[in-house]
Amino acid sequence: MATLKLNEIEITASRKIFDACDLNGDGFIDQEEFHALLNVLDGDVSRAECQLDFEIADTAGDGFIEFIGAPGRS
């Protein structure tokens, strides 16, 4: 997997977007929050489509998408 290097401004902007998608504010995006996000971005997204996309985004395989910022920070 390729590593994407972001500067502090890009990390801050990405964090704001992540936080806006984290509807319950627990620091993770779960499948329900992810489905809501996809519906906003792409209209009516089926649960099956959402599940496939979520599995790709859930790199830890723990059922959540977490924000990973600059090295040593999350």
Protein backbone atom coordinates (compact mmCIF):
# COMPACT_ATOMS: atom_id res chain seq x y z
CA MET A 1 0.00 0.00 0.00
CA ALA A 2 1.35 3.45 -0.92
CA THR A 3 1.88 5.98 1.84
CA LEU A 4 0.33 9.40 1.39
CA LYS A 5 2.24 12.26 3.01
CA LEU A 6 0.09 15.20 4.05
CA ASN A 7 1.12 18.55 5.43
CA GLU A 8 -0.36 19.95 8.67
CA ILE A 9 -3.01 21.99 6.82
CA GLU A 10 -4.19 18.93 4.88
CA ILE A 11 -4.25 16.83 8.06
CA THR A 12 -6.29 19.47 9.87
CA ALA A 13 -8.77 19.75 6.98
CA SER A 14 -9.05 15.96 6.75
CA ARG A 15 -9.64 15.73 10.51
CA LYS A 16 -12.49 18.25 10.29
CA ILE A 17 -14.15 16.20 7.54
CA PHE A 18 -13.65 12.99 9.52
CA ASP A 19 -15.13 14.57 12.66
CA ALA A 20 -18.16 15.78 10.69
CA CYS A 21 -18.77 12.18 9.56
CA ASP A 22 -18.30 10.81 13.09
CA LEU A 23 -21.91 11.50 14.06
CA ASN A 24 -21.71 10.20 17.64
CA GLY A 25 -18.29 11.78 18.31
CA ASP A 26 -16.61 8.58 19.53
CA GLY A 27 -13.54 9.01 17.31
CA PHE A 28 -14.51 6.27 14.87
CA ILE A 29 -16.80 5.95 11.87
CA ASP A 30 -18.98 2.86 12.17
CA GLN A 31 -21.03 1.20 9.43
CA GLU A 32 -24.15 3.28 10.15
CA GLU A 33 -22.22 6.55 9.99
CA PHE A 34 -20.44 5.36 6.84
CA HIS A 35 -23.77 4.46 5.20
CA ALA A 36 -25.16 7.92 6.07
CA LEU A 37 -22.05 9.53 4.54
CA LEU A 38 -22.33 7.52 1.33
CA ASN A 39 -26.00 8.42 1.02
CA VAL A 40 -25.15 12.12 1.31
CA LEU A 41 -22.34 11.85 -1.24
CA ASP A 42 -23.91 9.46 -3.72
CA GLY A 43 -27.66 9.35 -3.15
CA ASP A 44 -29.32 6.03 -2.43
CA VAL A 45 -26.55 3.53 -1.62
CA SER A 46 -27.57 -0.03 -0.82
CA ARG A 47 -26.41 -1.74 2.36
CA ALA A 48 -24.51 -4.28 0.20
CA GLU A 49 -22.60 -1.52 -1.62
CA CYS A 50 -21.89 0.19 1.68
CA GLN A 51 -20.62 -3.05 3.22
CA LEU A 52 -18.16 -3.62 0.37
CA ASP A 53 -16.81 -0.07 0.57
CA PHE A 54 -16.66 -0.20 4.36
CA GLU A 55 -14.61 -3.39 4.33
CA ILE A 56 -12.04 -1.66 2.11
CA ALA A 57 -11.90 1.43 4.33
CA ASP A 58 -11.75 -0.59 7.57
CA THR A 59 -8.04 -1.32 7.26
CA ALA A 60 -7.75 -2.69 10.82
CA GLY A 61 -10.67 -5.08 10.25
CA ASP A 62 -12.21 -4.10 13.59
CA GLY A 63 -15.55 -2.77 12.34
CA PHE A 64 -14.55 0.87 12.55
CA ILE A 65 -12.74 3.46 10.46
CA GLU A 66 -10.33 5.50 12.53
CA PHE A 67 -8.49 8.70 11.68
CA ILE A 68 -4.76 8.34 11.31
CA GLY A 69 -3.00 11.67 11.11
CA ALA A 70 0.64 12.61 11.30
CA PRO A 71 3.13 9.99 12.50
CA GLY A 72 2.79 9.39 16.22
CA ARG A 73 -0.67 10.92 16.36
CA SER A 74 -4.15 9.68 15.60
